[in-house]
Amino acid sequence: MGWIAEPGSAEDRLKRWLDRVGVTRILLWCSTAESMLIAWILYDALPANYVFLTAVPIAFGFGAFAVARHLGKVERPSIVAWLAALFFMIPVLLQVAGSAGLFDLIAQSALPG
């Protein structure tokens, strides 16, 4: 038997908001923010003649934002939209995998001895 939240409670409002927005869109928004942060850091770190390289994370951020908008507007997204969402969530997925220690676990299992 599952938990049933009281109508109008904080749990009920959170559940309705998550049903309306969706976890995928939240991760895409986080990916947009992270891509823009990466572009900002690159802008400060790169020499003046290589600043054009900041266009890559900026384009990635705009793509994540566009997919998040598309997922919010359509009733049933196609498989292409879900694959695009997965592609544009790569910065967030890598961040989560790194913070969870997944890369360390892979490195330890891949090393002999």
N, C-alpha and C. Protein backbone atom coordinates (compact mmCIF):
# COMPACT_ATOMS: atom_id res chain seq x y z
N MET A 1 0.84 -1.17 0.00
CA MET A 1 0.00 0.00 0.00
C MET A 1 0.88 1.23 0.00
N GLY A 2 0.59 2.16 -0.86
CA GLY A 2 1.42 3.34 -1.00
C GLY A 2 0.99 4.47 -0.10
N TRP A 3 1.84 5.47 -0.05
CA TRP A 3 1.57 6.65 0.75
C TRP A 3 0.59 7.53 0.00
N ILE A 4 -0.46 7.95 0.69
CA ILE A 4 -1.44 8.85 0.08
C ILE A 4 -1.36 10.17 0.82
N ALA A 5 -0.99 11.21 0.10
CA ALA A 5 -0.84 12.53 0.72
C ALA A 5 -2.21 13.19 0.84
N GLU A 6 -2.35 13.97 1.88
CA GLU A 6 -3.59 14.73 2.07
C GLU A 6 -3.71 15.76 0.94
N PRO A 7 -4.90 15.93 0.37
CA PRO A 7 -5.07 16.95 -0.67
C PRO A 7 -4.73 18.35 -0.13
N GLY A 8 -3.89 19.05 -0.88
CA GLY A 8 -3.49 20.39 -0.48
C GLY A 8 -2.25 20.44 0.39
N SER A 9 -1.74 19.27 0.82
CA SER A 9 -0.55 19.25 1.66
C SER A 9 0.70 19.52 0.81
N ALA A 10 1.82 19.69 1.48
CA ALA A 10 3.07 19.97 0.77
C ALA A 10 3.46 18.79 -0.12
N GLU A 11 3.24 17.56 0.38
CA GLU A 11 3.57 16.38 -0.43
C GLU A 11 2.71 16.31 -1.68
N ASP A 12 1.44 16.66 -1.54
CA ASP A 12 0.53 16.63 -2.68
C ASP A 12 0.92 17.68 -3.71
N ARG A 13 1.28 18.87 -3.25
CA ARG A 13 1.69 19.94 -4.18
C ARG A 13 2.99 19.55 -4.89
N LEU A 14 3.94 18.93 -4.16
CA LEU A 14 5.19 18.50 -4.77
C LEU A 14 4.94 17.42 -5.81
N LYS A 15 4.07 16.47 -5.50
CA LYS A 15 3.77 15.39 -6.45
C LYS A 15 3.10 15.94 -7.70
N ARG A 16 2.15 16.86 -7.55
CA ARG A 16 1.50 17.45 -8.72
C ARG A 16 2.50 18.26 -9.55
N TRP A 17 3.42 18.97 -8.87
CA TRP A 17 4.41 19.75 -9.60
C TRP A 17 5.37 18.84 -10.36
N LEU A 18 5.82 17.75 -9.73
CA LEU A 18 6.72 16.81 -10.41
C LEU A 18 6.01 16.10 -11.55
N ASP A 19 4.72 15.80 -11.39
CA ASP A 19 3.98 15.19 -12.50
C ASP A 19 3.85 16.16 -13.67
N ARG A 20 3.66 17.43 -13.37
CA ARG A 20 3.49 18.42 -14.43
C ARG A 20 4.83 18.74 -15.11
N VAL A 21 5.86 18.94 -14.32
CA VAL A 21 7.16 19.36 -14.87
C VAL A 21 7.96 18.15 -15.33
N GLY A 22 8.12 17.17 -14.49
CA GLY A 22 8.88 15.98 -14.85
C GLY A 22 10.34 16.11 -14.47
N VAL A 23 10.91 14.99 -14.07
CA VAL A 23 12.31 14.95 -13.66
C VAL A 23 13.23 15.20 -14.84
N THR A 24 12.83 14.74 -16.02
CA THR A 24 13.66 14.94 -17.22
C THR A 24 13.85 16.41 -17.51
N ARG A 25 12.79 17.18 -17.41
CA ARG A 25 12.92 18.62 -17.68
C ARG A 25 13.77 19.31 -16.62
N ILE A 26 13.67 18.87 -15.37
CA ILE A 26 14.50 19.46 -14.31
C ILE A 26 15.97 19.17 -14.58
N LEU A 27 16.28 17.93 -14.99
CA LEU A 27 17.67 17.60 -15.32
C LEU A 27 18.16 18.38 -16.54
N LEU A 28 17.28 18.62 -17.50
CA LEU A 28 17.68 19.43 -18.67
C LEU A 28 17.93 20.87 -18.27
N TRP A 29 17.14 21.41 -17.36
CA TRP A 29 17.41 22.77 -16.88
C TRP A 29 18.73 22.83 -16.14
N CYS A 30 19.03 21.80 -15.34
CA CYS A 30 20.32 21.74 -14.65
C CYS A 30 21.47 21.64 -15.66
N SER A 31 21.25 20.88 -16.73
CA SER A 31 22.27 20.76 -17.77
C SER A 31 22.49 22.10 -18.46
N THR A 32 21.42 22.85 -18.67
CA THR A 32 21.56 24.19 -19.26
C THR A 32 22.40 25.08 -18.36
N ALA A 33 22.09 25.09 -17.08
CA ALA A 33 22.85 25.93 -16.14
C ALA A 33 24.30 25.50 -16.06
N GLU A 34 24.54 24.19 -16.03
CA GLU A 34 25.92 23.71 -15.95
C GLU A 34 26.70 24.03 -17.22
N SER A 35 26.06 23.95 -18.38
CA SER A 35 26.74 24.29 -19.64
C SER A 35 27.11 25.76 -19.67
N MET A 36 26.22 26.61 -19.19
CA MET A 36 26.52 28.04 -19.17
C MET A 36 27.65 28.34 -18.17
N LEU A 37 27.68 27.62 -17.06
CA LEU A 37 28.76 27.79 -16.09
C LEU A 37 30.09 27.34 -16.68
N ILE A 38 30.08 26.24 -17.42
CA ILE A 38 31.30 25.78 -18.08
C ILE A 38 31.77 26.81 -19.10
N ALA A 39 30.84 27.39 -19.86
CA ALA A 39 31.22 28.42 -20.84
C ALA A 39 31.83 29.64 -20.14
N TRP A 40 31.27 30.02 -19.01
CA TRP A 40 31.78 31.17 -18.27
C TRP A 40 33.19 30.89 -17.75
N ILE A 41 33.41 29.70 -17.23
CA ILE A 41 34.74 29.33 -16.73
C ILE A 41 35.74 29.27 -17.88
N LEU A 42 35.31 28.71 -19.02
CA LEU A 42 36.20 28.65 -20.18
C LEU A 42 36.55 30.05 -20.69
N TYR A 43 35.59 30.95 -20.65
CA TYR A 43 35.83 32.32 -21.11
C TYR A 43 36.94 32.98 -20.29
N ASP A 44 36.93 32.72 -18.98
CA ASP A 44 37.97 33.29 -18.12
C ASP A 44 39.30 32.55 -18.25
N ALA A 45 39.27 31.25 -18.55
CA ALA A 45 40.48 30.45 -18.54
C ALA A 45 41.23 30.43 -19.87
N LEU A 46 40.49 30.59 -20.97
CA LEU A 46 41.13 30.46 -22.29
C LEU A 46 41.85 31.74 -22.70
N PRO A 47 42.92 31.61 -23.49
CA PRO A 47 43.57 32.80 -24.04
C PRO A 47 42.61 33.51 -25.01
N ALA A 48 42.91 34.75 -25.30
CA ALA A 48 42.00 35.59 -26.08
C ALA A 48 41.71 35.03 -27.48
N ASN A 49 42.68 34.39 -28.10
CA ASN A 49 42.44 33.89 -29.46
C ASN A 49 41.70 32.55 -29.47
N TYR A 50 41.40 31.94 -28.32
CA TYR A 50 40.65 30.68 -28.26
C TYR A 50 39.28 30.83 -27.58
N VAL A 51 38.84 32.06 -27.40
CA VAL A 51 37.56 32.30 -26.73
C VAL A 51 36.39 31.75 -27.55
N PHE A 52 36.57 31.59 -28.83
CA PHE A 52 35.49 31.05 -29.67
C PHE A 52 35.08 29.65 -29.25
N LEU A 53 35.94 28.94 -28.51
CA LEU A 53 35.60 27.60 -28.05
C LEU A 53 34.48 27.59 -27.01
N THR A 54 34.17 28.74 -26.43
CA THR A 54 33.05 28.80 -25.49
C THR A 54 31.71 28.63 -26.19
N ALA A 55 31.69 28.69 -27.51
CA ALA A 55 30.44 28.50 -28.25
C ALA A 55 29.93 27.07 -28.13
N VAL A 56 30.81 26.11 -27.90
CA VAL A 56 30.38 24.70 -27.80
C VAL A 56 29.48 24.48 -26.57
N PRO A 57 29.91 24.84 -25.34
CA PRO A 57 28.98 24.64 -24.22
C PRO A 57 27.76 25.55 -24.27
N ILE A 58 27.89 26.73 -24.89
CA ILE A 58 26.72 27.60 -25.03
C ILE A 58 25.69 26.95 -25.95
N ALA A 59 26.14 26.38 -27.06
CA ALA A 59 25.22 25.69 -27.97
C ALA A 59 24.60 24.47 -27.29
N PHE A 60 25.38 23.78 -26.49
CA PHE A 60 24.87 22.62 -25.74
C PHE A 60 23.79 23.06 -24.76
N GLY A 61 24.01 24.18 -24.09
CA GLY A 61 23.02 24.71 -23.15
C GLY A 61 21.74 25.13 -23.84
N PHE A 62 21.86 25.78 -25.00
CA PHE A 62 20.66 26.16 -25.75
C PHE A 62 19.91 24.93 -26.25
N GLY A 63 20.64 23.89 -26.64
CA GLY A 63 19.98 22.66 -27.06
C GLY A 63 19.21 22.00 -25.92
N ALA A 64 19.81 21.98 -24.73
CA ALA A 64 19.13 21.41 -23.56
C ALA A 64 17.88 22.21 -23.22
N PHE A 65 17.98 23.52 -23.31
CA PHE A 65 16.83 24.37 -23.02
C PHE A 65 15.72 24.14 -24.05
N ALA A 66 16.09 24.02 -25.33
CA ALA A 66 15.09 23.81 -26.38
C ALA A 66 14.39 22.46 -26.21
N VAL A 67 15.13 21.43 -25.85
CA VAL A 67 14.51 20.11 -25.65
C VAL A 67 13.59 20.15 -24.43
N ALA A 68 14.00 20.85 -23.37
CA ALA A 68 13.14 20.98 -22.19
C ALA A 68 11.84 21.70 -22.54
N ARG A 69 11.93 22.73 -23.35
CA ARG A 69 10.71 23.44 -23.78
C ARG A 69 9.83 22.53 -24.62
N HIS A 70 10.44 21.77 -25.52
CA HIS A 70 9.67 20.88 -26.38
C HIS A 70 8.96 19.80 -25.55
N LEU A 71 9.66 19.23 -24.58
CA LEU A 71 9.04 18.20 -23.74
C LEU A 71 7.89 18.77 -22.93
N GLY A 72 7.94 20.05 -22.61
CA GLY A 72 6.85 20.67 -21.87
C GLY A 72 5.64 20.98 -22.72
N LYS A 73 5.83 21.12 -24.02
CA LYS A 73 4.72 21.52 -24.90
C LYS A 73 3.98 20.35 -25.53
N VAL A 74 4.63 19.21 -25.70
CA VAL A 74 3.98 18.09 -26.39
C VAL A 74 3.33 17.15 -25.37
N GLU A 75 2.29 16.49 -25.82
CA GLU A 75 1.58 15.55 -24.95
C GLU A 75 2.35 14.24 -24.80
N ARG A 76 2.77 13.65 -25.93
CA ARG A 76 3.52 12.40 -25.91
C ARG A 76 4.77 12.59 -26.77
N PRO A 77 5.93 12.81 -26.16
CA PRO A 77 7.15 13.02 -26.93
C PRO A 77 7.56 11.77 -27.70
N SER A 78 8.20 12.00 -28.84
CA SER A 78 8.67 10.88 -29.66
C SER A 78 9.97 10.33 -29.10
N ILE A 79 10.41 9.23 -29.67
CA ILE A 79 11.66 8.61 -29.23
C ILE A 79 12.85 9.53 -29.56
N VAL A 80 12.74 10.30 -30.62
CA VAL A 80 13.81 11.24 -30.98
C VAL A 80 13.94 12.32 -29.91
N ALA A 81 12.81 12.78 -29.40
CA ALA A 81 12.85 13.80 -28.33
C ALA A 81 13.49 13.23 -27.07
N TRP A 82 13.19 11.97 -26.74
CA TRP A 82 13.80 11.37 -25.56
C TRP A 82 15.29 11.13 -25.76
N LEU A 83 15.69 10.74 -26.96
CA LEU A 83 17.12 10.56 -27.23
C LEU A 83 17.86 11.90 -27.19
N ALA A 84 17.22 12.96 -27.71
CA ALA A 84 17.83 14.29 -27.62
C ALA A 84 17.94 14.73 -26.17
N ALA A 85 16.93 14.42 -25.38
CA ALA A 85 16.98 14.76 -23.95
C ALA A 85 18.12 14.03 -23.26
N LEU A 86 18.29 12.76 -23.58
CA LEU A 86 19.38 11.99 -22.99
C LEU A 86 20.74 12.55 -23.42
N PHE A 87 20.86 12.94 -24.69
CA PHE A 87 22.11 13.52 -25.18
C PHE A 87 22.44 14.82 -24.46
N PHE A 88 21.44 15.69 -24.31
CA PHE A 88 21.70 16.99 -23.70
C PHE A 88 21.79 16.94 -22.18
N MET A 89 21.48 15.78 -21.58
CA MET A 89 21.66 15.61 -20.13
C MET A 89 23.05 15.09 -19.79
N ILE A 90 23.91 14.90 -20.75
CA ILE A 90 25.24 14.34 -20.51
C ILE A 90 26.03 15.10 -19.44
N PRO A 91 26.06 16.46 -19.44
CA PRO A 91 26.83 17.13 -18.37
C PRO A 91 26.33 16.78 -16.96
N VAL A 92 25.02 16.73 -16.78
CA VAL A 92 24.48 16.42 -15.46
C VAL A 92 24.72 14.96 -15.11
N LEU A 93 24.56 14.07 -16.07
CA LEU A 93 24.78 12.65 -15.81
C LEU A 93 26.24 12.38 -15.44
N LEU A 94 27.18 13.04 -16.12
CA LEU A 94 28.59 12.89 -15.77
C LEU A 94 28.89 13.45 -14.39
N GLN A 95 28.24 14.56 -14.05
CA GLN A 95 28.43 15.15 -12.73
C GLN A 95 27.93 14.21 -11.64
N VAL A 96 26.76 13.62 -11.84
CA VAL A 96 26.20 12.69 -10.86
C VAL A 96 27.05 11.43 -10.77
N ALA A 97 27.50 10.91 -11.90
CA ALA A 97 28.33 9.70 -11.88
C ALA A 97 29.66 9.97 -11.18
N GLY A 98 30.23 11.14 -11.40
CA GLY A 98 31.49 11.47 -10.74
C GLY A 98 31.33 11.66 -9.25
N SER A 99 30.24 12.29 -8.84
CA SER A 99 30.04 12.51 -7.41
C SER A 99 29.63 11.24 -6.68
N ALA A 100 29.06 10.30 -7.39
CA ALA A 100 28.67 9.03 -6.78
C ALA A 100 29.84 8.06 -6.70
N GLY A 101 30.97 8.40 -7.27
CA GLY A 101 32.13 7.53 -7.22
C GLY A 101 32.11 6.43 -8.25
N LEU A 102 31.29 6.57 -9.27
CA LEU A 102 31.18 5.52 -10.29
C LEU A 102 32.48 5.37 -11.07
N PHE A 103 33.14 6.49 -11.37
CA PHE A 103 34.38 6.42 -12.13
C PHE A 103 35.49 5.73 -11.31
N ASP A 104 35.52 6.00 -10.00
CA ASP A 104 36.50 5.33 -9.15
C ASP A 104 36.25 3.82 -9.09
N LEU A 105 34.99 3.46 -9.03
CA LEU A 105 34.64 2.04 -8.99
C LEU A 105 35.04 1.34 -10.30
N ILE A 106 34.82 1.99 -11.42
CA ILE A 106 35.22 1.41 -12.71
C ILE A 106 36.74 1.30 -12.80
N ALA A 107 37.44 2.34 -12.33
CA ALA A 107 38.90 2.31 -12.38
C ALA A 107 39.47 1.21 -11.50
N GLN A 108 38.88 0.98 -10.34
CA GLN A 108 39.38 -0.06 -9.45
C GLN A 108 39.12 -1.45 -10.03
N SER A 109 37.98 -1.63 -10.68
CA SER A 109 37.68 -2.95 -11.23
C SER A 109 38.45 -3.22 -12.52
N ALA A 110 38.88 -2.17 -13.20
CA ALA A 110 39.59 -2.35 -14.46
C ALA A 110 41.08 -2.58 -14.24
N LEU A 111 41.61 -2.12 -13.13
CA LEU A 111 43.03 -2.28 -12.87
C LEU A 111 43.34 -3.70 -12.41
N PRO A 112 44.42 -4.29 -12.90
CA PRO A 112 44.77 -5.64 -12.45
C PRO A 112 45.32 -5.61 -11.03
N GLY A 113 45.06 -6.68 -10.31
CA GLY A 113 45.63 -6.83 -8.98
C GLY A 113 44.82 -6.18 -7.98
